[in-house]
Amino acid sequence: MAALHLKYLQELEEYMTSGHMQEDFECSPEERRLEMLEFLETLMDVAEVADETATKLIFKNSQLGALTGTK
C-alpha cells in the first residue's frame, strides 16, 4: 500500500509557487528540463485521478451519487 506524504506535497507546492522550480528549470541542462516536464505531466495525470477518486469517495453511497451514477 502506498504511503501518503502530505508534507512532500506541501513542499512541492511551495517549490512551484515560490518560483524556485522555474529558476531551476531555466538553469538546468536539457536532460534535467525534460525530466522536470515529465514529472509535471505525470503530476497532472495523478491530479486527474485524485479528482476522480475524491468524487467517488465523497459521493459513494449518497443520494447525489445515486443520481449521478457514481460508483
N, C-alpha and C. Protein backbone atom coordinates (compact mmCIF):
# COMPACT_ATOMS: atom_id res chain seq x y z
N MET A 1 0.85 -1.19 0.00
CA MET A 1 0.00 0.00 0.00
C MET A 1 0.89 1.25 0.00
N ALA A 2 0.55 2.19 -0.82
CA ALA A 2 1.34 3.42 -0.92
C ALA A 2 1.13 4.29 0.32
N ALA A 3 2.20 4.89 0.76
CA ALA A 3 2.12 5.81 1.90
C ALA A 3 1.70 7.18 1.40
N LEU A 4 0.99 7.91 2.22
CA LEU A 4 0.57 9.26 1.89
C LEU A 4 1.52 10.24 2.57
N HIS A 5 2.09 11.13 1.80
CA HIS A 5 3.07 12.08 2.33
C HIS A 5 2.60 13.51 2.05
N LEU A 6 1.74 14.02 2.91
CA LEU A 6 1.19 15.36 2.75
C LEU A 6 2.31 16.41 2.77
N LYS A 7 3.29 16.21 3.64
CA LYS A 7 4.39 17.18 3.74
C LYS A 7 5.13 17.32 2.41
N TYR A 8 5.35 16.23 1.71
CA TYR A 8 6.01 16.29 0.41
C TYR A 8 5.19 17.12 -0.58
N LEU A 9 3.87 16.91 -0.59
CA LEU A 9 3.02 17.68 -1.50
C LEU A 9 3.05 19.17 -1.16
N GLN A 10 3.08 19.48 0.12
CA GLN A 10 3.16 20.88 0.54
C GLN A 10 4.49 21.50 0.12
N GLU A 11 5.58 20.74 0.27
CA GLU A 11 6.89 21.22 -0.15
C GLU A 11 6.95 21.40 -1.66
N LEU A 12 6.33 20.50 -2.40
CA LEU A 12 6.29 20.59 -3.85
C LEU A 12 5.50 21.83 -4.27
N GLU A 13 4.39 22.08 -3.62
CA GLU A 13 3.60 23.28 -3.92
C GLU A 13 4.43 24.54 -3.67
N GLU A 14 5.13 24.57 -2.55
CA GLU A 14 5.98 25.72 -2.23
C GLU A 14 7.09 25.88 -3.27
N TYR A 15 7.68 24.78 -3.70
CA TYR A 15 8.75 24.80 -4.71
C TYR A 15 8.24 25.42 -6.01
N MET A 16 7.02 25.10 -6.37
CA MET A 16 6.47 25.63 -7.61
C MET A 16 6.00 27.07 -7.46
N THR A 17 5.31 27.40 -6.37
CA THR A 17 4.76 28.75 -6.22
C THR A 17 5.81 29.79 -5.88
N SER A 18 6.91 29.37 -5.29
CA SER A 18 7.97 30.31 -4.91
C SER A 18 8.79 30.79 -6.10
N GLY A 19 8.69 30.08 -7.21
CA GLY A 19 9.50 30.42 -8.37
C GLY A 19 10.78 29.63 -8.46
N HIS A 20 11.07 28.82 -7.43
CA HIS A 20 12.31 28.04 -7.44
C HIS A 20 12.32 27.00 -8.55
N MET A 21 11.17 26.42 -8.84
CA MET A 21 11.14 25.42 -9.91
C MET A 21 11.45 26.09 -11.25
N GLN A 22 10.89 27.25 -11.47
CA GLN A 22 11.15 27.98 -12.72
C GLN A 22 12.63 28.34 -12.83
N GLU A 23 13.21 28.79 -11.73
CA GLU A 23 14.64 29.12 -11.72
C GLU A 23 15.48 27.89 -12.02
N ASP A 24 15.15 26.77 -11.36
CA ASP A 24 15.89 25.53 -11.60
C ASP A 24 15.76 25.09 -13.05
N PHE A 25 14.56 25.23 -13.60
CA PHE A 25 14.33 24.84 -14.99
C PHE A 25 15.20 25.66 -15.93
N GLU A 26 15.22 26.97 -15.70
CA GLU A 26 15.98 27.86 -16.57
C GLU A 26 17.48 27.63 -16.50
N CYS A 27 17.96 27.16 -15.36
CA CYS A 27 19.41 26.97 -15.16
C CYS A 27 19.86 25.52 -15.37
N SER A 28 18.94 24.65 -15.75
CA SER A 28 19.26 23.23 -15.86
C SER A 28 19.62 22.85 -17.29
N PRO A 29 20.41 21.78 -17.41
CA PRO A 29 20.69 21.25 -18.75
C PRO A 29 19.42 20.63 -19.35
N GLU A 30 19.43 20.42 -20.64
CA GLU A 30 18.26 19.93 -21.37
C GLU A 30 17.70 18.63 -20.78
N GLU A 31 18.56 17.70 -20.42
CA GLU A 31 18.10 16.42 -19.87
C GLU A 31 17.28 16.62 -18.60
N ARG A 32 17.76 17.50 -17.74
CA ARG A 32 17.03 17.79 -16.49
C ARG A 32 15.72 18.50 -16.78
N ARG A 33 15.70 19.39 -17.75
CA ARG A 33 14.46 20.08 -18.12
C ARG A 33 13.41 19.08 -18.59
N LEU A 34 13.82 18.14 -19.41
CA LEU A 34 12.89 17.12 -19.88
C LEU A 34 12.36 16.28 -18.71
N GLU A 35 13.24 15.97 -17.77
CA GLU A 35 12.83 15.22 -16.59
C GLU A 35 11.80 16.02 -15.77
N MET A 36 12.03 17.31 -15.63
CA MET A 36 11.10 18.15 -14.88
C MET A 36 9.74 18.22 -15.57
N LEU A 37 9.75 18.35 -16.89
CA LEU A 37 8.49 18.40 -17.64
C LEU A 37 7.74 17.08 -17.56
N GLU A 38 8.47 15.97 -17.62
CA GLU A 38 7.84 14.66 -17.48
C GLU A 38 7.23 14.50 -16.09
N PHE A 39 7.93 14.98 -15.08
CA PHE A 39 7.42 14.94 -13.71
C PHE A 39 6.11 15.72 -13.62
N LEU A 40 6.09 16.92 -14.18
CA LEU A 40 4.88 17.75 -14.12
C LEU A 40 3.72 17.12 -14.90
N GLU A 41 4.02 16.51 -16.03
CA GLU A 41 2.98 15.83 -16.80
C GLU A 41 2.39 14.67 -15.99
N THR A 42 3.25 13.91 -15.35
CA THR A 42 2.77 12.80 -14.52
C THR A 42 1.97 13.32 -13.33
N LEU A 43 2.43 14.41 -12.74
CA LEU A 43 1.71 15.02 -11.63
C LEU A 43 0.30 15.44 -12.05
N MET A 44 0.17 16.01 -13.23
CA MET A 44 -1.14 16.41 -13.73
C MET A 44 -2.04 15.19 -13.97
N ASP A 45 -1.46 14.11 -14.47
CA ASP A 45 -2.22 12.87 -14.65
C ASP A 45 -2.71 12.33 -13.31
N VAL A 46 -1.83 12.37 -12.32
CA VAL A 46 -2.19 11.90 -10.98
C VAL A 46 -3.28 12.79 -10.39
N ALA A 47 -3.20 14.09 -10.64
CA ALA A 47 -4.21 15.02 -10.13
C ALA A 47 -5.58 14.70 -10.71
N GLU A 48 -5.65 14.31 -11.97
CA GLU A 48 -6.92 13.92 -12.57
C GLU A 48 -7.48 12.68 -11.87
N VAL A 49 -6.63 11.71 -11.61
CA VAL A 49 -7.06 10.50 -10.90
C VAL A 49 -7.50 10.85 -9.49
N ALA A 50 -6.77 11.76 -8.84
CA ALA A 50 -7.14 12.19 -7.49
C ALA A 50 -8.51 12.84 -7.48
N ASP A 51 -8.80 13.66 -8.48
CA ASP A 51 -10.10 14.31 -8.57
C ASP A 51 -11.21 13.28 -8.73
N GLU A 52 -11.00 12.31 -9.61
CA GLU A 52 -11.98 11.25 -9.82
C GLU A 52 -12.18 10.44 -8.54
N THR A 53 -11.08 10.13 -7.87
CA THR A 53 -11.15 9.34 -6.65
C THR A 53 -11.87 10.10 -5.55
N ALA A 54 -11.56 11.38 -5.41
CA ALA A 54 -12.23 12.20 -4.38
C ALA A 54 -13.73 12.25 -4.63
N THR A 55 -14.10 12.40 -5.89
CA THR A 55 -15.52 12.43 -6.23
C THR A 55 -16.19 11.12 -5.83
N LYS A 56 -15.55 10.02 -6.14
CA LYS A 56 -16.12 8.70 -5.78
C LYS A 56 -16.22 8.55 -4.27
N LEU A 57 -15.18 8.96 -3.54
CA LEU A 57 -15.18 8.81 -2.09
C LEU A 57 -16.25 9.68 -1.45
N ILE A 58 -16.42 10.88 -1.96
CA ILE A 58 -17.38 11.81 -1.37
C ILE A 58 -18.81 11.40 -1.68
N PHE A 59 -19.08 11.00 -2.92
CA PHE A 59 -20.45 10.78 -3.34
C PHE A 59 -20.90 9.33 -3.30
N LYS A 60 -20.00 8.40 -3.03
CA LYS A 60 -20.38 6.99 -2.96
C LYS A 60 -21.39 6.82 -1.84
N ASN A 61 -22.42 6.06 -2.11
CA ASN A 61 -23.49 5.76 -1.15
C ASN A 61 -24.25 7.01 -0.71
N SER A 62 -24.27 8.05 -1.53
CA SER A 62 -25.06 9.24 -1.22
C SER A 62 -26.20 9.35 -2.23
N GLN A 63 -27.19 10.16 -1.90
CA GLN A 63 -28.30 10.35 -2.83
C GLN A 63 -27.80 10.99 -4.13
N LEU A 64 -26.92 11.97 -4.01
CA LEU A 64 -26.38 12.63 -5.19
C LEU A 64 -25.58 11.64 -6.03
N GLY A 65 -24.84 10.79 -5.35
CA GLY A 65 -24.08 9.75 -6.07
C GLY A 65 -25.00 8.80 -6.81
N ALA A 66 -26.13 8.46 -6.20
CA ALA A 66 -27.09 7.57 -6.87
C ALA A 66 -27.68 8.26 -8.10
N LEU A 67 -27.93 9.55 -8.00
CA LEU A 67 -28.50 10.28 -9.13
C LEU A 67 -27.50 10.41 -10.29
N THR A 68 -26.21 10.59 -9.95
CA THR A 68 -25.20 10.78 -10.99
C THR A 68 -24.57 9.47 -11.44
N GLY A 69 -24.91 8.38 -10.77
CA GLY A 69 -24.35 7.09 -11.14
C GLY A 69 -22.93 6.87 -10.67
N THR A 70 -22.50 7.61 -9.62
CA THR A 70 -21.15 7.44 -9.09
C THR A 70 -21.04 6.10 -8.40
N LYS A 71 -20.02 5.35 -8.79
CA LYS A 71 -19.81 4.01 -8.21
C LYS A 71 -18.66 4.03 -7.26
